[in-house]
Every structure is written in structure tokens, then in C-alpha cells.
Amino acid sequence: DIRAVELASAVCASNTLVWQYARQWYKLNTKDLGQKRKDDYRNAINNHICPIIGNMKLSEVTLNDGLAVLQQSPPSKSAQQKIVTTLKRIFKSAADNDLIRRNPFSELRAGGKPAEEKHPLSKEQQSALLAAVQGLSIEPFVQLCLYAGLRREEALGLMWQDVYLD
């Protein structure tokens, strides 16, 4: 009986926990993404979303639960935006798959403080830094960062295949 199958499916869907669906969503929706984006989603799910609402049923989550997640998240606008994006995508998928009536986070907006403006080192500061590391093993690293305009994370991520000495 089709009605019995639909009812069983609805009961199963109504008992799906956020962490269960988030895990499934992650597996199905991040295959073709770059590692950085995958890491952003994994961090949002594991460190921010699931600790707060992971044990709730999908069907019981409200906008206020999303606000609670953001309230206990890092204060930076960038971090909160990643969490909001992840919440929206997970719950949009749940709504599209008829597990919930609607996405409670469709109107959720990230708060947080914008990152402080960063200022490059002045010529005097650059000279002082180069003088301080002269002859030390870190000198080439500092030179690479200064002369190529790389942040620490970017320089540390370089592989030999990224370096062209010609």
C-alpha cells in the first residue's frame, strides 16, 4: 500500500536527527568541492551546529535554534557567515527532500564583527624584521613572505611543484 510507505517514510523523516542528516548531507554534497570548502563545512557542522542542535529532530528546529548556534559561535562575521551558509544548505536540502516543511534558516543572517583592517609593514618595519632574522634559518621564509606578499598560511602551504626557479 502506497499510503503505508508514505506514512512510514514520514515517521522516519520526522525522527531524523540534525547530526544524522548533516552527516548524510556532507557526504552527498561535498564530493566535488575543494579541500578548504570541505573543511569549512566540516568545522561548522562538527564544532558549531551539532554541539548545539545536533540531537534535535530536523522537524523541531526553529530559527531561534539557529540564533542559539550563532550566539555560541566565534564573534567574527566571517566565521558566522560560514555557519549560516552551512545551516541554510543543510536545511534547504532537508526541505527539498520533504523531510521538513520549510527551511527555518532561509532568513537567518550572520552577525559578528567585521575583521579589523590590516596594514602592511612600513619600509622601516620591513628593514627591522629582515635585520632581526638575518643569518637565522627562518630568514628565507621571511624573505619569501615579504617579497612575494604571502601570508604565513599561504607560504606554509607551498609545495615544491608550486615553485618555479627559472
C-alpha atoms as a PDB file:
ATOM      1  CA  ASP A   1       0.000   0.000   0.000  1.00  0.00           C
ATOM      2  CA  ILE A   2       1.497   3.328  -1.134  1.00  0.00           C
ATOM      3  CA  ARG A   3      -0.106   5.205   1.775  1.00  0.00           C
ATOM      4  CA  ALA A   4       1.644   2.919   4.304  1.00  0.00           C
ATOM      5  CA  VAL A   5       5.011   3.511   2.602  1.00  0.00           C
ATOM      6  CA  GLU A   6       4.440   7.295   2.648  1.00  0.00           C
ATOM      7  CA  LEU A   7       3.444   7.196   6.323  1.00  0.00           C
ATOM      8  CA  ALA A   8       6.475   5.079   7.254  1.00  0.00           C
ATOM      9  CA  SER A   9       8.708   7.460   5.310  1.00  0.00           C
ATOM     10  CA  ALA A  10       7.160  10.478   7.072  1.00  0.00           C
ATOM     11  CA  VAL A  11       7.616   8.891  10.504  1.00  0.00           C
ATOM     12  CA  CYS A  12      11.247   8.045   9.703  1.00  0.00           C
ATOM     13  CA  ALA A  13      11.857  11.584   8.398  1.00  0.00           C
ATOM     14  CA  SER A  14      10.255  13.155  11.448  1.00  0.00           C
ATOM     15  CA  ASN A  15      12.646  11.205  13.681  1.00  0.00           C
ATOM     16  CA  THR A  16      15.800  12.138  11.759  1.00  0.00           C
ATOM     17  CA  LEU A  17      18.237  13.996  13.984  1.00  0.00           C
ATOM     18  CA  VAL A  18      20.177  17.012  12.762  1.00  0.00           C
ATOM     19  CA  TRP A  19      23.541  15.266  13.166  1.00  0.00           C
ATOM     20  CA  GLN A  20      22.350  12.285  11.134  1.00  0.00           C
ATOM     21  CA  TYR A  21      21.114  14.402   8.274  1.00  0.00           C
ATOM     22  CA  ALA A  22      24.148  16.721   8.415  1.00  0.00           C
ATOM     23  CA  ARG A  23      26.441  13.704   8.060  1.00  0.00           C
ATOM     24  CA  GLN A  24      24.465  12.426   5.084  1.00  0.00           C
ATOM     25  CA  TRP A  25      24.297  15.889   3.531  1.00  0.00           C
ATOM     26  CA  TYR A  26      28.069  16.338   3.902  1.00  0.00           C
ATOM     27  CA  LYS A  27      28.830  13.017   2.204  1.00  0.00           C
ATOM     28  CA  LEU A  28      26.495  13.740  -0.710  1.00  0.00           C
ATOM     29  CA  ASN A  29      27.217  17.422  -1.265  1.00  0.00           C
ATOM     30  CA  THR A  30      30.935  17.959  -0.773  1.00  0.00           C
ATOM     31  CA  LYS A  31      32.450  15.378  -3.132  1.00  0.00           C
ATOM     32  CA  ASP A  32      33.343  17.878  -5.851  1.00  0.00           C
ATOM     33  CA  LEU A  33      34.403  20.754  -3.599  1.00  0.00           C
ATOM     34  CA  GLY A  34      37.905  21.919  -2.804  1.00  0.00           C
ATOM     35  CA  GLN A  35      39.500  20.930   0.479  1.00  0.00           C
ATOM     36  CA  LYS A  36      39.122  24.417   2.014  1.00  0.00           C
ATOM     37  CA  ARG A  37      35.357  24.473   1.409  1.00  0.00           C
ATOM     38  CA  LYS A  38      35.013  20.911   2.756  1.00  0.00           C
ATOM     39  CA  ASP A  39      36.943  21.941   5.857  1.00  0.00           C
ATOM     40  CA  ASP A  40      34.681  24.982   6.320  1.00  0.00           C
ATOM     41  CA  TYR A  41      31.550  22.808   6.177  1.00  0.00           C
ATOM     42  CA  ARG A  42      33.059  20.128   8.450  1.00  0.00           C
ATOM     43  CA  ASN A  43      34.115  22.742  11.005  1.00  0.00           C
ATOM     44  CA  ALA A  44      30.678  24.391  11.000  1.00  0.00           C
ATOM     45  CA  ILE A  45      28.908  21.053  11.402  1.00  0.00           C
ATOM     46  CA  ASN A  46      31.208  19.427  13.966  1.00  0.00           C
ATOM     47  CA  ASN A  47      32.204  22.410  16.083  1.00  0.00           C
ATOM     48  CA  HIS A  48      29.228  24.749  15.965  1.00  0.00           C
ATOM     49  CA  ILE A  49      25.994  23.220  14.672  1.00  0.00           C
ATOM     50  CA  CYS A  50      25.958  19.688  16.104  1.00  0.00           C
ATOM     51  CA  PRO A  51      27.103  20.585  19.632  1.00  0.00           C
ATOM     52  CA  ILE A  52      24.072  22.884  19.938  1.00  0.00           C
ATOM     53  CA  ILE A  53      21.293  21.338  17.818  1.00  0.00           C
ATOM     54  CA  GLY A  54      22.746  18.004  16.666  1.00  0.00           C
ATOM     55  CA  ASN A  55      20.493  15.891  18.891  1.00  0.00           C
ATOM     56  CA  MET A  56      17.315  17.716  17.885  1.00  0.00           C
ATOM     57  CA  LYS A  57      14.899  16.296  15.336  1.00  0.00           C
ATOM     58  CA  LEU A  58      15.085  18.100  11.989  1.00  0.00           C
ATOM     59  CA  SER A  59      11.370  18.786  12.165  1.00  0.00           C
ATOM     60  CA  GLU A  60      11.658  20.526  15.561  1.00  0.00           C
ATOM     61  CA  VAL A  61      14.428  23.002  14.722  1.00  0.00           C
ATOM     62  CA  THR A  62      13.396  26.678  14.629  1.00  0.00           C
ATOM     63  CA  LEU A  63      15.006  29.973  13.708  1.00  0.00           C
ATOM     64  CA  ASN A  64      15.716  30.553  17.404  1.00  0.00           C
ATOM     65  CA  ASP A  65      17.845  27.394  17.447  1.00  0.00           C
ATOM     66  CA  GLY A  66      19.946  28.874  14.646  1.00  0.00           C
ATOM     67  CA  LEU A  67      20.308  32.074  16.626  1.00  0.00           C
ATOM     68  CA  ALA A  68      21.482  29.983  19.598  1.00  0.00           C
ATOM     69  CA  VAL A  69      24.130  28.365  17.383  1.00  0.00           C
ATOM     70  CA  LEU A  70      25.367  31.800  16.277  1.00  0.00           C
ATOM     71  CA  GLN A  71      25.312  33.139  19.827  1.00  0.00           C
ATOM     72  CA  GLN A  72      27.769  30.441  20.888  1.00  0.00           C
ATOM     73  CA  SER A  73      29.961  30.768  17.783  1.00  0.00           C
ATOM     74  CA  PRO A  74      33.059  32.907  17.230  1.00  0.00           C
ATOM     75  CA  PRO A  75      32.236  36.609  17.044  1.00  0.00           C
ATOM     76  CA  SER A  76      33.815  37.197  13.626  1.00  0.00           C
ATOM     77  CA  LYS A  77      31.481  37.916  10.738  1.00  0.00           C
ATOM     78  CA  SER A  78      33.437  35.525   8.507  1.00  0.00           C
ATOM     79  CA  ALA A  79      33.068  32.557  10.892  1.00  0.00           C
ATOM     80  CA  GLN A  80      29.389  33.247  11.432  1.00  0.00           C
ATOM     81  CA  GLN A  81      28.774  33.526   7.687  1.00  0.00           C
ATOM     82  CA  LYS A  82      30.260  30.059   7.149  1.00  0.00           C
ATOM     83  CA  ILE A  83      27.983  28.633   9.842  1.00  0.00           C
ATOM     84  CA  VAL A  84      24.890  30.357   8.412  1.00  0.00           C
ATOM     85  CA  THR A  85      25.702  29.127   4.899  1.00  0.00           C
ATOM     86  CA  THR A  86      26.089  25.577   6.182  1.00  0.00           C
ATOM     87  CA  LEU A  87      22.815  25.710   8.142  1.00  0.00           C
ATOM     88  CA  LYS A  88      20.936  27.117   5.164  1.00  0.00           C
ATOM     89  CA  ARG A  89      22.269  24.487   2.769  1.00  0.00           C
ATOM     90  CA  ILE A  90      21.618  21.539   5.083  1.00  0.00           C
ATOM     91  CA  PHE A  91      18.071  22.611   5.904  1.00  0.00           C
ATOM     92  CA  LYS A  92      17.278  23.627   2.309  1.00  0.00           C
ATOM     93  CA  SER A  93      18.259  20.127   1.273  1.00  0.00           C
ATOM     94  CA  ALA A  94      16.082  18.639   4.018  1.00  0.00           C
ATOM     95  CA  ALA A  95      13.123  20.743   2.799  1.00  0.00           C
ATOM     96  CA  ASP A  96      13.802  19.861  -0.853  1.00  0.00           C
ATOM     97  CA  ASN A  97      13.762  16.180   0.129  1.00  0.00           C
ATOM     98  CA  ASP A  98      10.469  16.598   2.009  1.00  0.00           C
ATOM     99  CA  LEU A  99      11.981  15.809   5.396  1.00  0.00           C
ATOM    100  CA  ILE A 100      10.768  19.152   6.764  1.00  0.00           C
ATOM    101  CA  ARG A 101       8.016  21.516   5.620  1.00  0.00           C
ATOM    102  CA  ARG A 102      10.299  24.518   5.179  1.00  0.00           C
ATOM    103  CA  ASN A 103      13.807  25.724   5.866  1.00  0.00           C
ATOM    104  CA  PRO A 104      13.778  27.539   9.242  1.00  0.00           C
ATOM    105  CA  PHE A 105      17.013  29.323   8.325  1.00  0.00           C
ATOM    106  CA  SER A 106      16.074  30.843   4.968  1.00  0.00           C
ATOM    107  CA  GLU A 107      16.061  34.325   6.580  1.00  0.00           C
ATOM    108  CA  LEU A 108      18.946  33.754   9.046  1.00  0.00           C
ATOM    109  CA  ARG A 109      21.717  36.352   8.759  1.00  0.00           C
ATOM    110  CA  ALA A 110      25.231  36.271  10.150  1.00  0.00           C
ATOM    111  CA  GLY A 111      26.099  38.775  12.833  1.00  0.00           C
ATOM    112  CA  GLY A 112      29.551  39.251  14.198  1.00  0.00           C
ATOM    113  CA  LYS A 113      32.192  41.903  13.854  1.00  0.00           C
ATOM    114  CA  PRO A 114      33.958  42.571  10.561  1.00  0.00           C
ATOM    115  CA  ALA A 115      37.646  41.751  10.564  1.00  0.00           C
ATOM    116  CA  GLU A 116      39.911  44.591  11.576  1.00  0.00           C
ATOM    117  CA  GLU A 117      41.639  46.338   8.717  1.00  0.00           C
ATOM    118  CA  LYS A 118      45.192  45.129   8.339  1.00  0.00           C
ATOM    119  CA  HIS A 119      48.059  47.431   7.440  1.00  0.00           C
ATOM    120  CA  PRO A 120      51.196  46.254   5.647  1.00  0.00           C
ATOM    121  CA  LEU A 121      54.574  46.735   7.265  1.00  0.00           C
ATOM    122  CA  SER A 122      56.251  50.040   6.553  1.00  0.00           C
ATOM    123  CA  LYS A 123      59.670  50.077   4.831  1.00  0.00           C
ATOM    124  CA  GLU A 124      61.289  50.720   8.224  1.00  0.00           C
ATOM    125  CA  GLN A 125      59.444  47.793   9.809  1.00  0.00           C
ATOM    126  CA  GLN A 126      60.424  45.531   6.920  1.00  0.00           C
ATOM    127  CA  SER A 127      64.076  46.529   7.298  1.00  0.00           C
ATOM    128  CA  ALA A 128      63.966  45.930  11.045  1.00  0.00           C
ATOM    129  CA  LEU A 129      62.381  42.496  10.539  1.00  0.00           C
ATOM    130  CA  LEU A 130      64.978  41.474   7.940  1.00  0.00           C
ATOM    131  CA  ALA A 131      67.775  42.664  10.225  1.00  0.00           C
ATOM    132  CA  ALA A 132      66.335  40.680  13.142  1.00  0.00           C
ATOM    133  CA  VAL A 133      66.225  37.381  11.196  1.00  0.00           C
ATOM    134  CA  GLN A 134      69.472  37.834   9.246  1.00  0.00           C
ATOM    135  CA  GLY A 135      71.539  34.664   9.372  1.00  0.00           C
ATOM    136  CA  LEU A 136      68.781  32.650  11.060  1.00  0.00           C
ATOM    137  CA  SER A 137      67.159  29.604   9.482  1.00  0.00           C
ATOM    138  CA  ILE A 138      63.869  31.499   9.197  1.00  0.00           C
ATOM    139  CA  GLU A 139      65.367  34.270   7.039  1.00  0.00           C
ATOM    140  CA  PRO A 140      64.385  32.715   3.655  1.00  0.00           C
ATOM    141  CA  PHE A 141      60.834  32.183   4.897  1.00  0.00           C
ATOM    142  CA  VAL A 142      60.534  35.815   6.000  1.00  0.00           C
ATOM    143  CA  GLN A 143      62.001  36.990   2.690  1.00  0.00           C
ATOM    144  CA  LEU A 144      59.556  34.834   0.747  1.00  0.00           C
ATOM    145  CA  CYS A 145      56.605  36.254   2.654  1.00  0.00           C
ATOM    146  CA  LEU A 146      57.791  39.867   2.363  1.00  0.00           C
ATOM    147  CA  TYR A 147      58.868  39.848  -1.265  1.00  0.00           C
ATOM    148  CA  ALA A 148      56.060  37.661  -2.629  1.00  0.00           C
ATOM    149  CA  GLY A 149      53.365  39.266  -0.479  1.00  0.00           C
ATOM    150  CA  LEU A 150      52.357  35.947   1.080  1.00  0.00           C
ATOM    151  CA  ARG A 151      50.645  35.388   4.381  1.00  0.00           C
ATOM    152  CA  ARG A 152      52.154  32.785   6.700  1.00  0.00           C
ATOM    153  CA  GLU A 153      49.432  30.232   5.846  1.00  0.00           C
ATOM    154  CA  GLU A 154      49.977  30.725   2.121  1.00  0.00           C
ATOM    155  CA  ALA A 155      53.746  30.303   2.367  1.00  0.00           C
ATOM    156  CA  LEU A 156      53.446  27.216   4.567  1.00  0.00           C
ATOM    157  CA  GLY A 157      51.050  25.668   2.056  1.00  0.00           C
ATOM    158  CA  LEU A 158      53.528  25.902  -0.831  1.00  0.00           C
ATOM    159  CA  MET A 159      54.810  22.677  -2.326  1.00  0.00           C
ATOM    160  CA  TRP A 160      57.930  22.261  -4.465  1.00  0.00           C
ATOM    161  CA  GLN A 161      55.745  21.845  -7.565  1.00  0.00           C
ATOM    162  CA  ASP A 162      54.449  25.409  -6.868  1.00  0.00           C
ATOM    163  CA  VAL A 163      57.956  26.918  -7.056  1.00  0.00           C
ATOM    164  CA  TYR A 164      59.480  27.933 -10.380  1.00  0.00           C
ATOM    165  CA  LEU A 165      63.113  28.963 -10.120  1.00  0.00           C
ATOM    166  CA  ASP A 166      63.594  29.880 -13.799  1.00  0.00           C
END
